[in-house]
Protein backbone atom coordinates (compact mmCIF):
# COMPACT_ATOMS: atom_id res chain seq x y z
CA MET A 1 0.00 0.00 0.00
CA THR A 2 1.35 3.44 -0.90
CA ALA A 3 1.30 6.48 1.35
CA PRO A 4 -0.90 9.38 0.23
CA ALA A 5 0.85 12.22 -1.53
CA PRO A 6 1.71 15.13 0.76
CA ARG A 7 -0.63 18.11 0.56
CA ARG A 8 0.68 21.39 -0.83
CA CYS A 9 -0.34 24.98 -0.31
CA ARG A 10 -2.21 26.12 -3.40
CA ALA A 11 -0.53 29.54 -3.29
CA CYS A 12 3.15 28.94 -2.49
CA ARG A 13 3.23 25.19 -3.27
CA ARG A 14 4.99 24.49 0.06
CA GLU A 15 4.48 20.95 1.28
CA ILE A 16 2.14 20.66 4.27
CA ARG A 17 3.07 17.60 6.31
CA GLU A 18 1.16 18.27 9.54
CA LEU A 19 -2.38 19.39 10.28
CA ALA A 20 -0.96 22.39 12.17
CA GLY A 21 0.54 23.57 8.87
CA VAL A 22 -2.89 24.07 7.29
CA GLY A 23 -3.99 27.69 7.44
CA TRP A 24 -7.40 27.13 5.85
CA GLU A 25 -9.09 24.47 3.75
CA CYS A 26 -12.27 24.52 1.69
CA GLU A 27 -14.62 21.67 0.83
CA CYS A 28 -13.69 22.20 -2.85
CA GLY A 29 -10.15 21.03 -2.10
CA VAL A 30 -8.26 24.33 -1.90
CA VAL A 31 -5.81 24.29 0.98
CA VAL A 32 -3.33 26.98 2.00
CA CYS A 33 -0.55 27.08 4.56
CA THR A 34 -0.51 29.37 7.59
CA ASP A 35 1.16 32.26 5.70
CA ALA A 36 -1.19 35.27 5.65
CA ASP A 37 -0.29 36.13 2.04
CA CYS A 38 -1.32 32.65 0.92
CA PHE A 39 -4.64 32.96 2.77
CA VAL A 40 -5.61 36.25 1.08
CA GLU A 41 -4.81 34.84 -2.34
CA TYR A 42 -7.53 32.16 -2.02
CA PHE A 43 -9.80 33.23 0.87
CA LYS A 44 -11.46 36.37 2.20
CA HIS A 45 -12.99 37.19 5.59
CA VAL A 46 -16.62 38.29 5.24
CA ALA A 47 -19.46 39.43 7.53
CA GLY A 48 -17.14 41.42 9.74
CA GLY A 49 -14.84 38.45 10.24
CA GLU A 50 -17.67 36.05 11.11
CA GLY A 51 -17.20 33.99 7.95
CA THR A 52 -14.63 33.03 5.36
CA ARG A 53 -15.31 32.94 1.61
CA CYS A 54 -13.38 30.67 -0.72
CA LEU A 55 -12.42 32.75 -3.73
CA THR A 56 -12.27 29.60 -5.87
CA CYS A 57 -15.77 28.20 -5.40
CA GLY A 58 -17.55 30.96 -3.43
CA LEU A 59 -18.45 28.81 -0.40
CA VAL A 60 -18.81 30.78 2.84
CA THR A 61 -18.07 28.98 6.10
């Protein structure tokens, strides 16, 4: 059995090996590292910071 491929930040392509390295993840599969610049490239805080919108698929969580 093979190990799953490591996840990578969609913005900077850095490998994310641990759950603590995930800054934000959307149901559509977009994942970014904890770097703030990577977050703003793919996500946006909405509703006064109460929600987060994925700029790829539009989902608000």
